[in-house]
Amino acid sequence: MPMYDYSCGGCGDFAALRPLAQWRDPAACPQCGALSARIIGGAPAISALSSAVNRARAVNERSANEPRSSRAGHGMNCGCCSGGRGSGKTRTSTDGAKSFAGARPWMISH
């Protein structure tokens, strides 16, 4: 539920959590109980958000006008884009089984 700002004539400004469906409705003042009209009190507290949320918002804003190209590739030794030659450490036997030079023999590859 969002928090809205209200102004009571006798007590002053206060904030209240209200359902979205009641965004236009007046709220009861917590001190005197009088119905108070909603006001636009101030700017949202974006700086109070966590650093992870701020980073995600910055990435979304940056990618809106500067999308990254997906053609940059996946880096060295990427098996999906490299074409014919695989990694130098992978060995394939005649029956199609893969083994990896210097790897632990009990590990299962994908």
PDB file of N, CA and C in Angstrom:
ATOM      1  N   MET A   1       0.836  -1.180   0.000  1.00  0.00           N
ATOM      2  CA  MET A   1       0.000   0.000   0.000  1.00  0.00           C
ATOM      3  C   MET A   1       0.881   1.244   0.000  1.00  0.00           C
ATOM      4  N   PRO A   2       0.518   2.207  -0.800  1.00  0.00           N
ATOM      5  CA  PRO A   2       1.293   3.450  -0.822  1.00  0.00           C
ATOM      6  C   PRO A   2       0.951   4.350   0.358  1.00  0.00           C
ATOM      7  N   MET A   3       1.871   5.248   0.640  1.00  0.00           N
ATOM      8  CA  MET A   3       1.682   6.213   1.715  1.00  0.00           C
ATOM      9  C   MET A   3       1.331   7.561   1.079  1.00  0.00           C
ATOM     10  N   TYR A   4       0.238   8.141   1.525  1.00  0.00           N
ATOM     11  CA  TYR A   4      -0.215   9.421   1.000  1.00  0.00           C
ATOM     12  C   TYR A   4      -0.097  10.489   2.082  1.00  0.00           C
ATOM     13  N   ASP A   5       0.045  11.739   1.666  1.00  0.00           N
ATOM     14  CA  ASP A   5       0.129  12.880   2.581  1.00  0.00           C
ATOM     15  C   ASP A   5      -1.239  13.546   2.671  1.00  0.00           C
ATOM     16  N   TYR A   6      -1.611  13.929   3.892  1.00  0.00           N
ATOM     17  CA  TYR A   6      -2.885  14.594   4.153  1.00  0.00           C
ATOM     18  C   TYR A   6      -2.624  15.811   5.022  1.00  0.00           C
ATOM     19  N   SER A   7      -3.580  16.747   5.004  1.00  0.00           N
ATOM     20  CA  SER A   7      -3.456  17.956   5.816  1.00  0.00           C
ATOM     21  C   SER A   7      -4.729  18.155   6.619  1.00  0.00           C
ATOM     22  N   CYS A   8      -4.577  18.162   7.942  1.00  0.00           N
ATOM     23  CA  CYS A   8      -5.694  18.426   8.857  1.00  0.00           C
ATOM     24  C   CYS A   8      -5.692  19.922   9.182  1.00  0.00           C
ATOM     25  N   GLY A   9      -6.866  20.541   9.164  1.00  0.00           N
ATOM     26  CA  GLY A   9      -6.962  21.978   9.440  1.00  0.00           C
ATOM     27  C   GLY A   9      -6.499  22.349  10.837  1.00  0.00           C
ATOM     28  N   GLY A  10      -6.714  21.483  11.821  1.00  0.00           N
ATOM     29  CA  GLY A  10      -6.359  21.817  13.193  1.00  0.00           C
ATOM     30  C   GLY A  10      -5.030  21.252  13.658  1.00  0.00           C
ATOM     31  N   CYS A  11      -4.633  20.111  13.118  1.00  0.00           N
ATOM     32  CA  CYS A  11      -3.432  19.417  13.624  1.00  0.00           C
ATOM     33  C   CYS A  11      -2.211  19.526  12.705  1.00  0.00           C
ATOM     34  N   GLY A  12      -2.419  19.789  11.454  1.00  0.00           N
ATOM     35  CA  GLY A  12      -1.291  19.890  10.522  1.00  0.00           C
ATOM     36  C   GLY A  12      -1.218  18.699   9.572  1.00  0.00           C
ATOM     37  N   ASP A  13      -0.054  18.516   8.992  1.00  0.00           N
ATOM     38  CA  ASP A  13       0.141  17.469   7.982  1.00  0.00           C
ATOM     39  C   ASP A  13       0.436  16.129   8.641  1.00  0.00           C
ATOM     40  N   PHE A  14       0.009  15.035   7.968  1.00  0.00           N
ATOM     41  CA  PHE A  14       0.329  13.679   8.401  1.00  0.00           C
ATOM     42  C   PHE A  14       0.324  12.764   7.190  1.00  0.00           C
ATOM     43  N   ALA A  15       0.868  11.583   7.352  1.00  0.00           N
ATOM     44  CA  ALA A  15       0.918  10.594   6.285  1.00  0.00           C
ATOM     45  C   ALA A  15       0.154   9.356   6.722  1.00  0.00           C
ATOM     46  N   ALA A  16      -0.478   8.687   5.758  1.00  0.00           N
ATOM     47  CA  ALA A  16      -1.253   7.487   6.070  1.00  0.00           C
ATOM     48  C   ALA A  16      -1.108   6.479   4.939  1.00  0.00           C
ATOM     49  N   LEU A  17      -1.047   5.204   5.323  1.00  0.00           N
ATOM     50  CA  LEU A  17      -1.043   4.125   4.336  1.00  0.00           C
ATOM     51  C   LEU A  17      -2.485   3.863   3.920  1.00  0.00           C
ATOM     52  N   ARG A  18      -2.734   3.881   2.616  1.00  0.00           N
ATOM     53  CA  ARG A  18      -4.082   3.667   2.094  1.00  0.00           C
ATOM     54  C   ARG A  18      -4.012   2.748   0.890  1.00  0.00           C
ATOM     55  N   PRO A  19      -5.031   1.940   0.638  1.00  0.00           N
ATOM     56  CA  PRO A  19      -5.086   1.127  -0.581  1.00  0.00           C
ATOM     57  C   PRO A  19      -5.166   2.022  -1.819  1.00  0.00           C
ATOM     58  N   LEU A  20      -4.717   1.501  -2.934  1.00  0.00           N
ATOM     59  CA  LEU A  20      -4.755   2.277  -4.177  1.00  0.00           C
ATOM     60  C   LEU A  20      -6.174   2.680  -4.551  1.00  0.00           C
ATOM     61  N   ALA A  21      -7.151   1.852  -4.244  1.00  0.00           N
ATOM     62  CA  ALA A  21      -8.538   2.158  -4.587  1.00  0.00           C
ATOM     63  C   ALA A  21      -9.062   3.370  -3.817  1.00  0.00           C
ATOM     64  N   GLN A  22      -8.428   3.734  -2.717  1.00  0.00           N
ATOM     65  CA  GLN A  22      -8.895   4.848  -1.882  1.00  0.00           C
ATOM     66  C   GLN A  22      -7.997   6.075  -1.992  1.00  0.00           C
ATOM     67  N   TRP A  23      -7.315   6.243  -3.112  1.00  0.00           N
ATOM     68  CA  TRP A  23      -6.355   7.343  -3.219  1.00  0.00           C
ATOM     69  C   TRP A  23      -7.019   8.708  -3.208  1.00  0.00           C
ATOM     70  N   ARG A  24      -8.279   8.802  -3.629  1.00  0.00           N
ATOM     71  CA  ARG A  24      -8.967  10.095  -3.641  1.00  0.00           C
ATOM     72  C   ARG A  24      -9.693  10.387  -2.330  1.00  0.00           C
ATOM     73  N   ASP A  25      -9.982   9.366  -1.561  1.00  0.00           N
ATOM     74  CA  ASP A  25     -10.802   9.528  -0.362  1.00  0.00           C
ATOM     75  C   ASP A  25     -10.030  10.254   0.739  1.00  0.00           C
ATOM     76  N   PRO A  26     -10.731  11.094   1.521  1.00  0.00           N
ATOM     77  CA  PRO A  26     -10.070  11.735   2.665  1.00  0.00           C
ATOM     78  C   PRO A  26      -9.773  10.704   3.751  1.00  0.00           C
ATOM     79  N   ALA A  27      -8.781  11.004   4.573  1.00  0.00           N
ATOM     80  CA  ALA A  27      -8.376  10.106   5.666  1.00  0.00           C
ATOM     81  C   ALA A  27      -8.634  10.779   7.002  1.00  0.00           C
ATOM     82  N   ALA A  28      -8.886   9.958   8.008  1.00  0.00           N
ATOM     83  CA  ALA A  28      -9.114  10.484   9.360  1.00  0.00           C
ATOM     84  C   ALA A  28      -7.778  10.886   9.977  1.00  0.00           C
ATOM     85  N   CYS A  29      -7.760  12.055  10.588  1.00  0.00           N
ATOM     86  CA  CYS A  29      -6.559  12.540  11.273  1.00  0.00           C
ATOM     87  C   CYS A  29      -6.273  11.633  12.462  1.00  0.00           C
ATOM     88  N   PRO A  30      -5.010  11.202  12.655  1.00  0.00           N
ATOM     89  CA  PRO A  30      -4.715  10.311  13.773  1.00  0.00           C
ATOM     90  C   PRO A  30      -4.855  10.983  15.147  1.00  0.00           C
ATOM     91  N   GLN A  31      -4.844  12.314  15.202  1.00  0.00           N
ATOM     92  CA  GLN A  31      -4.938  12.999  16.502  1.00  0.00           C
ATOM     93  C   GLN A  31      -6.372  13.373  16.860  1.00  0.00           C
ATOM     94  N   CYS A  32      -7.087  14.005  15.916  1.00  0.00           N
ATOM     95  CA  CYS A  32      -8.434  14.481  16.250  1.00  0.00           C
ATOM     96  C   CYS A  32      -9.544  13.684  15.574  1.00  0.00           C
ATOM     97  N   GLY A  33      -9.235  12.873  14.562  1.00  0.00           N
ATOM     98  CA  GLY A  33     -10.233  12.051  13.887  1.00  0.00           C
ATOM     99  C   GLY A  33     -10.992  12.750  12.785  1.00  0.00           C
ATOM    100  N   ALA A  34     -10.713  14.015  12.519  1.00  0.00           N
ATOM    101  CA  ALA A  34     -11.413  14.754  11.458  1.00  0.00           C
ATOM    102  C   ALA A  34     -10.961  14.262  10.087  1.00  0.00           C
ATOM    103  N   LEU A  35     -11.902  14.237   9.128  1.00  0.00           N
ATOM    104  CA  LEU A  35     -11.539  13.842   7.767  1.00  0.00           C
ATOM    105  C   LEU A  35     -10.673  14.929   7.148  1.00  0.00           C
ATOM    106  N   SER A  36      -9.547  14.508   6.571  1.00  0.00           N
ATOM    107  CA  SER A  36      -8.574  15.455   6.018  1.00  0.00           C
ATOM    108  C   SER A  36      -8.358  15.160   4.554  1.00  0.00           C
ATOM    109  N   ALA A  37      -8.203  16.208   3.772  1.00  0.00           N
ATOM    110  CA  ALA A  37      -8.000  16.076   2.329  1.00  0.00           C
ATOM    111  C   ALA A  37      -6.559  15.683   2.019  1.00  0.00           C
ATOM    112  N   ARG A  38      -6.413  14.983   0.927  1.00  0.00           N
ATOM    113  CA  ARG A  38      -5.080  14.570   0.487  1.00  0.00           C
ATOM    114  C   ARG A  38      -4.355  15.756  -0.138  1.00  0.00           C
ATOM    115  N   ILE A  39      -3.060  15.852   0.119  1.00  0.00           N
ATOM    116  CA  ILE A  39      -2.223  16.900  -0.470  1.00  0.00           C
ATOM    117  C   ILE A  39      -1.027  16.250  -1.156  1.00  0.00           C
ATOM    118  N   ILE A  40      -0.390  16.992  -2.016  1.00  0.00           N
ATOM    119  CA  ILE A  40       0.882  16.556  -2.611  1.00  0.00           C
ATOM    120  C   ILE A  40       1.960  17.203  -1.762  1.00  0.00           C
ATOM    121  N   GLY A  41       2.473  16.441  -0.800  1.00  0.00           N
ATOM    122  CA  GLY A  41       3.356  16.986   0.222  1.00  0.00           C
ATOM    123  C   GLY A  41       4.766  17.266  -0.249  1.00  0.00           C
ATOM    124  N   GLY A  42       5.378  16.338  -0.895  1.00  0.00           N
ATOM    125  CA  GLY A  42       6.769  16.527  -1.292  1.00  0.00           C
ATOM    126  C   GLY A  42       7.198  15.497  -2.316  1.00  0.00           C
ATOM    127  N   ALA A  43       8.436  15.564  -2.651  1.00  0.00           N
ATOM    128  CA  ALA A  43       8.995  14.637  -3.627  1.00  0.00           C
ATOM    129  C   ALA A  43       9.180  13.263  -2.989  1.00  0.00           C
ATOM    130  N   PRO A  44       9.128  12.209  -3.795  1.00  0.00           N
ATOM    131  CA  PRO A  44       9.367  10.879  -3.228  1.00  0.00           C
ATOM    132  C   PRO A  44      10.789  10.757  -2.698  1.00  0.00           C
ATOM    133  N   ALA A  45      10.970   9.939  -1.688  1.00  0.00           N
ATOM    134  CA  ALA A  45      12.271   9.782  -1.046  1.00  0.00           C
ATOM    135  C   ALA A  45      13.109   8.747  -1.786  1.00  0.00           C
ATOM    136  N   ILE A  46      13.614   9.121  -2.964  1.00  0.00           N
ATOM    137  CA  ILE A  46      14.411   8.193  -3.778  1.00  0.00           C
ATOM    138  C   ILE A  46      15.749   7.915  -3.112  1.00  0.00           C
ATOM    139  N   SER A  47      16.310   8.896  -2.426  1.00  0.00           N
ATOM    140  CA  SER A  47      17.610   8.672  -1.789  1.00  0.00           C
ATOM    141  C   SER A  47      17.511   7.698  -0.623  1.00  0.00           C
ATOM    142  N   ALA A  48      16.315   7.473  -0.110  1.00  0.00           N
ATOM    143  CA  ALA A  48      16.134   6.546   0.997  1.00  0.00           C
ATOM    144  C   ALA A  48      16.068   5.093   0.536  1.00  0.00           C
ATOM    145  N   LEU A  49      16.044   4.868  -0.778  1.00  0.00           N
ATOM    146  CA  LEU A  49      16.009   3.509  -1.302  1.00  0.00           C
ATOM    147  C   LEU A  49      17.359   2.840  -1.085  1.00  0.00           C
ATOM    148  N   SER A  50      17.368   1.527  -1.108  1.00  0.00           N
ATOM    149  CA  SER A  50      18.622   0.800  -0.918  1.00  0.00           C
ATOM    150  C   SER A  50      19.539   1.013  -2.117  1.00  0.00           C
ATOM    151  N   SER A  51      20.820   0.754  -1.934  1.00  0.00           N
ATOM    152  CA  SER A  51      21.775   0.950  -3.020  1.00  0.00           C
ATOM    153  C   SER A  51      21.504  -0.014  -4.170  1.00  0.00           C
ATOM    154  N   ALA A  52      21.008  -1.212  -3.885  1.00  0.00           N
ATOM    155  CA  ALA A  52      20.698  -2.160  -4.956  1.00  0.00           C
ATOM    156  C   ALA A  52      19.559  -1.644  -5.829  1.00  0.00           C
ATOM    157  N   VAL A  53      18.547  -1.051  -5.219  1.00  0.00           N
ATOM    158  CA  VAL A  53      17.426  -0.496  -5.977  1.00  0.00           C
ATOM    159  C   VAL A  53      17.899   0.696  -6.804  1.00  0.00           C
ATOM    160  N   ASN A  54      18.739   1.540  -6.217  1.00  0.00           N
ATOM    161  CA  ASN A  54      19.271   2.685  -6.963  1.00  0.00           C
ATOM    162  C   ASN A  54      20.112   2.238  -8.153  1.00  0.00           C
ATOM    163  N   ARG A  55      20.937   1.188  -7.973  1.00  0.00           N
ATOM    164  CA  ARG A  55      21.736   0.671  -9.097  1.00  0.00           C
ATOM    165  C   ARG A  55      20.833   0.105 -10.186  1.00  0.00           C
ATOM    166  N   ALA A  56      19.808  -0.643  -9.810  1.00  0.00           N
ATOM    167  CA  ALA A  56      18.887  -1.213 -10.796  1.00  0.00           C
ATOM    168  C   ALA A  56      18.162  -0.111 -11.561  1.00  0.00           C
ATOM    169  N   ARG A  57      17.738   0.935 -10.867  1.00  0.00           N
ATOM    170  CA  ARG A  57      17.069   2.054 -11.528  1.00  0.00           C
ATOM    171  C   ARG A  57      18.014   2.753 -12.495  1.00  0.00           C
ATOM    172  N   ALA A  58      19.267   2.925 -12.098  1.00  0.00           N
ATOM    173  CA  ALA A  58      20.253   3.568 -12.972  1.00  0.00           C
ATOM    174  C   ALA A  58      20.518   2.721 -14.213  1.00  0.00           C
ATOM    175  N   VAL A  59      20.602   1.409 -14.055  1.00  0.00           N
ATOM    176  CA  VAL A  59      20.823   0.528 -15.208  1.00  0.00           C
ATOM    177  C   VAL A  59      19.635   0.597 -16.152  1.00  0.00           C
ATOM    178  N   ASN A  60      18.420   0.584 -15.608  1.00  0.00           N
ATOM    179  CA  ASN A  60      17.227   0.664 -16.455  1.00  0.00           C
ATOM    180  C   ASN A  60      17.169   1.978 -17.211  1.00  0.00           C
ATOM    181  N   GLU A  61      17.497   3.074 -16.555  1.00  0.00           N
ATOM    182  CA  GLU A  61      17.490   4.367 -17.231  1.00  0.00           C
ATOM    183  C   GLU A  61      18.571   4.439 -18.296  1.00  0.00           C
ATOM    184  N   ARG A  62      19.748   3.885 -18.008  1.00  0.00           N
ATOM    185  CA  ARG A  62      20.841   3.914 -18.976  1.00  0.00           C
ATOM    186  C   ARG A  62      20.500   3.048 -20.187  1.00  0.00           C
ATOM    187  N   SER A  63      19.901   1.881 -19.972  1.00  0.00           N
ATOM    188  CA  SER A  63      19.633   0.985 -21.086  1.00  0.00           C
ATOM    189  C   SER A  63      18.461   1.458 -21.937  1.00  0.00           C
ATOM    190  N   ALA A  64      17.672   2.405 -21.450  1.00  0.00           N
ATOM    191  CA  ALA A  64      16.553   2.899 -22.238  1.00  0.00           C
ATOM    192  C   ALA A  64      17.036   3.647 -23.473  1.00  0.00           C
ATOM    193  N   ASN A  65      18.129   4.387 -23.368  1.00  0.00           N
ATOM    194  CA  ASN A  65      18.614   5.130 -24.528  1.00  0.00           C
ATOM    195  C   ASN A  65      19.977   4.656 -25.014  1.00  0.00           C
ATOM    196  N   GLU A  66      20.617   3.732 -24.309  1.00  0.00           N
ATOM    197  CA  GLU A  66      21.918   3.198 -24.719  1.00  0.00           C
ATOM    198  C   GLU A  66      21.935   1.680 -24.580  1.00  0.00           C
ATOM    199  N   PRO A  67      21.104   0.959 -25.349  1.00  0.00           N
ATOM    200  CA  PRO A  67      21.097  -0.506 -25.175  1.00  0.00           C
ATOM    201  C   PRO A  67      22.424  -1.115 -25.581  1.00  0.00           C
ATOM    202  N   ARG A  68      22.836  -2.138 -24.807  1.00  0.00           N
ATOM    203  CA  ARG A  68      24.075  -2.830 -25.127  1.00  0.00           C
ATOM    204  C   ARG A  68      23.849  -3.754 -26.307  1.00  0.00           C
ATOM    205  N   SER A  69      24.840  -3.899 -27.137  1.00  0.00           N
ATOM    206  CA  SER A  69      24.751  -4.796 -28.277  1.00  0.00           C
ATOM    207  C   SER A  69      24.952  -6.229 -27.799  1.00  0.00           C
ATOM    208  N   SER A  70      24.133  -7.129 -28.307  1.00  0.00           N
ATOM    209  CA  SER A  70      24.292  -8.536 -27.945  1.00  0.00           C
ATOM    210  C   SER A  70      25.262  -9.235 -28.884  1.00  0.00           C
ATOM    211  N   ARG A  71      25.842  -8.531 -29.812  1.00  0.00           N
ATOM    212  CA  ARG A  71      26.783  -9.120 -30.763  1.00  0.00           C
ATOM    213  C   ARG A  71      28.215  -9.084 -30.252  1.00  0.00           C
ATOM    214  N   ALA A  72      28.423  -8.611 -29.051  1.00  0.00           N
ATOM    215  CA  ALA A  72      29.774  -8.500 -28.519  1.00  0.00           C
ATOM    216  C   ALA A  72      30.378  -9.862 -28.232  1.00  0.00           C
ATOM    217  N   GLY A  73      29.574 -10.896 -28.159  1.00  0.00           N
ATOM    218  CA  GLY A  73      30.090 -12.230 -27.899  1.00  0.00           C
ATOM    219  C   GLY A  73      30.122 -12.537 -26.425  1.00  0.00           C
ATOM    220  N   HIS A  74      30.496 -13.747 -26.118  1.00  0.00           N
ATOM    221  CA  HIS A  74      30.511 -14.197 -24.746  1.00  0.00           C
ATOM    222  C   HIS A  74      31.915 -14.353 -24.192  1.00  0.00           C
ATOM    223  N   GLY A  75      32.888 -13.882 -24.868  1.00  0.00           N
ATOM    224  CA  GLY A  75      34.244 -13.968 -24.366  1.00  0.00           C
ATOM    225  C   GLY A  75      35.011 -15.143 -24.948  1.00  0.00           C
ATOM    226  N   MET A  76      36.240 -15.298 -24.475  1.00  0.00           N
ATOM    227  CA  MET A  76      37.097 -16.366 -24.984  1.00  0.00           C
ATOM    228  C   MET A  76      36.572 -17.727 -24.565  1.00  0.00           C
ATOM    229  N   ASN A  77      36.810 -18.723 -25.413  1.00  0.00           N
ATOM    230  CA  ASN A  77      36.435 -20.121 -25.180  1.00  0.00           C
ATOM    231  C   ASN A  77      34.935 -20.324 -25.010  1.00  0.00           C
ATOM    232  N   CYS A  78      34.135 -19.481 -25.625  1.00  0.00           N
ATOM    233  CA  CYS A  78      32.691 -19.663 -25.580  1.00  0.00           C
ATOM    234  C   CYS A  78      32.338 -20.741 -26.599  1.00  0.00           C
ATOM    235  N   GLY A  79      31.686 -21.786 -26.167  1.00  0.00           N
ATOM    236  CA  GLY A  79      31.366 -22.901 -27.046  1.00  0.00           C
ATOM    237  C   GLY A  79      30.190 -22.649 -27.957  1.00  0.00           C
ATOM    238  N   CYS A  80      29.313 -21.715 -27.616  1.00  0.00           N
ATOM    239  CA  CYS A  80      28.108 -21.536 -28.416  1.00  0.00           C
ATOM    240  C   CYS A  80      28.342 -20.698 -29.663  1.00  0.00           C
ATOM    241  N   CYS A  81      29.333 -19.830 -29.686  1.00  0.00           N
ATOM    242  CA  CYS A  81      29.512 -18.911 -30.798  1.00  0.00           C
ATOM    243  C   CYS A  81      30.812 -19.130 -31.577  1.00  0.00           C
ATOM    244  N   SER A  82      31.679 -19.975 -31.104  1.00  0.00           N
ATOM    245  CA  SER A  82      33.018 -20.031 -31.667  1.00  0.00           C
ATOM    246  C   SER A  82      33.094 -20.734 -33.007  1.00  0.00           C
ATOM    247  N   GLY A  83      32.076 -21.487 -33.384  1.00  0.00           N
ATOM    248  CA  GLY A  83      32.117 -22.152 -34.676  1.00  0.00           C
ATOM    249  C   GLY A  83      32.590 -23.580 -34.546  1.00  0.00           C
ATOM    250  N   GLY A  84      33.619 -23.962 -35.289  1.00  0.00           N
ATOM    251  CA  GLY A  84      34.027 -25.351 -35.358  1.00  0.00           C
ATOM    252  C   GLY A  84      34.939 -25.825 -34.254  1.00  0.00           C
ATOM    253  N   ARG A  85      35.894 -25.031 -33.860  1.00  0.00           N
ATOM    254  CA  ARG A  85      36.911 -25.497 -32.925  1.00  0.00           C
ATOM    255  C   ARG A  85      36.442 -25.323 -31.489  1.00  0.00           C
ATOM    256  N   GLY A  86      36.565 -26.359 -30.683  1.00  0.00           N
ATOM    257  CA  GLY A  86      36.181 -26.297 -29.275  1.00  0.00           C
ATOM    258  C   GLY A  86      37.360 -25.894 -28.420  1.00  0.00           C
ATOM    259  N   SER A  87      37.188 -26.016 -27.138  1.00  0.00           N
ATOM    260  CA  SER A  87      38.230 -25.674 -26.187  1.00  0.00           C
ATOM    261  C   SER A  87      39.381 -26.665 -26.292  1.00  0.00           C
ATOM    262  N   GLY A  88      40.588 -26.234 -26.024  1.00  0.00           N
ATOM    263  CA  GLY A  88      41.748 -27.094 -26.121  1.00  0.00           C
ATOM    264  C   GLY A  88      41.817 -28.148 -25.028  1.00  0.00           C
ATOM    265  N   LYS A  89      41.077 -27.998 -23.939  1.00  0.00           N
ATOM    266  CA  LYS A  89      41.131 -28.952 -22.844  1.00  0.00           C
ATOM    267  C   LYS A  89      40.121 -30.088 -23.005  1.00  0.00           C
ATOM    268  N   THR A  90      39.151 -29.948 -23.884  1.00  0.00           N
ATOM    269  CA  THR A  90      38.127 -30.971 -24.050  1.00  0.00           C
ATOM    270  C   THR A  90      38.596 -32.014 -25.044  1.00  0.00           C
ATOM    271  N   ARG A  91      38.469 -33.273 -24.648  1.00  0.00           N
ATOM    272  CA  ARG A  91      38.824 -34.383 -25.545  1.00  0.00           C
ATOM    273  C   ARG A  91      37.587 -35.237 -25.737  1.00  0.00           C
ATOM    274  N   THR A  92      37.314 -35.628 -26.968  1.00  0.00           N
ATOM    275  CA  THR A  92      36.166 -36.467 -27.267  1.00  0.00           C
ATOM    276  C   THR A  92      36.664 -37.820 -27.739  1.00  0.00           C
ATOM    277  N   SER A  93      36.147 -38.881 -27.138  1.00  0.00           N
ATOM    278  CA  SER A  93      36.551 -40.235 -27.534  1.00  0.00           C
ATOM    279  C   SER A  93      35.731 -40.675 -28.751  1.00  0.00           C
ATOM    280  N   THR A  94      36.012 -41.875 -29.279  1.00  0.00           N
ATOM    281  CA  THR A  94      35.329 -42.360 -30.476  1.00  0.00           C
ATOM    282  C   THR A  94      33.842 -42.606 -30.232  1.00  0.00           C
ATOM    283  N   ASP A  95      33.457 -42.926 -28.997  1.00  0.00           N
ATOM    284  CA  ASP A  95      32.037 -43.161 -28.716  1.00  0.00           C
ATOM    285  C   ASP A  95      31.284 -41.865 -28.377  1.00  0.00           C
ATOM    286  N   GLY A  96      31.946 -40.711 -28.420  1.00  0.00           N
ATOM    287  CA  GLY A  96      31.307 -39.421 -28.190  1.00  0.00           C
ATOM    288  C   GLY A  96      31.408 -38.915 -26.762  1.00  0.00           C
ATOM    289  N   ALA A  97      32.021 -39.690 -25.867  1.00  0.00           N
ATOM    290  CA  ALA A  97      32.165 -39.256 -24.481  1.00  0.00           C
ATOM    291  C   ALA A  97      33.221 -38.159 -24.387  1.00  0.00           C
ATOM    292  N   LYS A  98      32.976 -37.186 -23.538  1.00  0.00           N
ATOM    293  CA  LYS A  98      33.919 -36.088 -23.353  1.00  0.00           C
ATOM    294  C   LYS A  98      34.753 -36.318 -22.108  1.00  0.00           C
ATOM    295  N   SER A  99      36.007 -35.931 -22.181  1.00  0.00           N
ATOM    296  CA  SER A  99      36.868 -35.919 -21.010  1.00  0.00           C
ATOM    297  C   SER A  99      37.649 -34.616 -21.035  1.00  0.00           C
ATOM    298  N   PHE A 100      38.059 -34.184 -19.868  1.00  0.00           N
ATOM    299  CA  PHE A 100      38.747 -32.906 -19.747  1.00  0.00           C
ATOM    300  C   PHE A 100      40.121 -33.137 -19.156  1.00  0.00           C
ATOM    301  N   ALA A 101      41.130 -32.701 -19.869  1.00  0.00           N
ATOM    302  CA  ALA A 101      42.501 -32.880 -19.431  1.00  0.00           C
ATOM    303  C   ALA A 101      42.755 -32.082 -18.154  1.00  0.00           C
ATOM    304  N   GLY A 102      43.285 -32.730 -17.133  1.00  0.00           N
ATOM    305  CA  GLY A 102      43.611 -32.054 -15.874  1.00  0.00           C
ATOM    306  C   GLY A 102      42.414 -31.844 -14.970  1.00  0.00           C
ATOM    307  N   ALA A 103      41.207 -32.288 -15.383  1.00  0.00           N
ATOM    308  CA  ALA A 103      40.038 -32.104 -14.538  1.00  0.00           C
ATOM    309  C   ALA A 103      39.855 -33.296 -13.611  1.00  0.00           C
ATOM    310  N   ARG A 104      39.039 -33.154 -12.640  1.00  0.00           N
ATOM    311  CA  ARG A 104      38.766 -34.246 -11.701  1.00  0.00           C
ATOM    312  C   ARG A 104      37.903 -35.287 -12.406  1.00  0.00           C
ATOM    313  N   PRO A 105      38.283 -36.547 -12.393  1.00  0.00           N
ATOM    314  CA  PRO A 105      37.527 -37.562 -13.160  1.00  0.00           C
ATOM    315  C   PRO A 105      36.142 -37.843 -12.602  1.00  0.00           C
ATOM    316  N   TRP A 106      35.844 -37.516 -11.346  1.00  0.00           N
ATOM    317  CA  TRP A 106      34.549 -37.818 -10.777  1.00  0.00           C
ATOM    318  C   TRP A 106      33.520 -36.727 -11.046  1.00  0.00           C
ATOM    319  N   MET A 107      33.946 -35.598 -11.643  1.00  0.00           N
ATOM    320  CA  MET A 107      33.017 -34.519 -11.942  1.00  0.00           C
ATOM    321  C   MET A 107      32.288 -34.823 -13.246  1.00  0.00           C
ATOM    322  N   ILE A 108      31.018 -34.518 -13.286  1.00  0.00           N
ATOM    323  CA  ILE A 108      30.194 -34.764 -14.465  1.00  0.00           C
ATOM    324  C   ILE A 108      30.015 -33.463 -15.222  1.00  0.00           C
ATOM    325  N   SER A 109      30.244 -33.523 -16.526  1.00  0.00           N
ATOM    326  CA  SER A 109      30.075 -32.300 -17.327  1.00  0.00           C
ATOM    327  C   SER A 109      28.658 -32.241 -17.873  1.00  0.00           C
ATOM    328  N   HIS A 110      28.312 -31.117 -18.422  1.00  0.00           N
ATOM    329  CA  HIS A 110      27.007 -30.978 -19.050  1.00  0.00           C
ATOM    330  C   HIS A 110      27.205 -31.170 -20.508  1.00  0.00           C
TER     331      HIS A 110
END
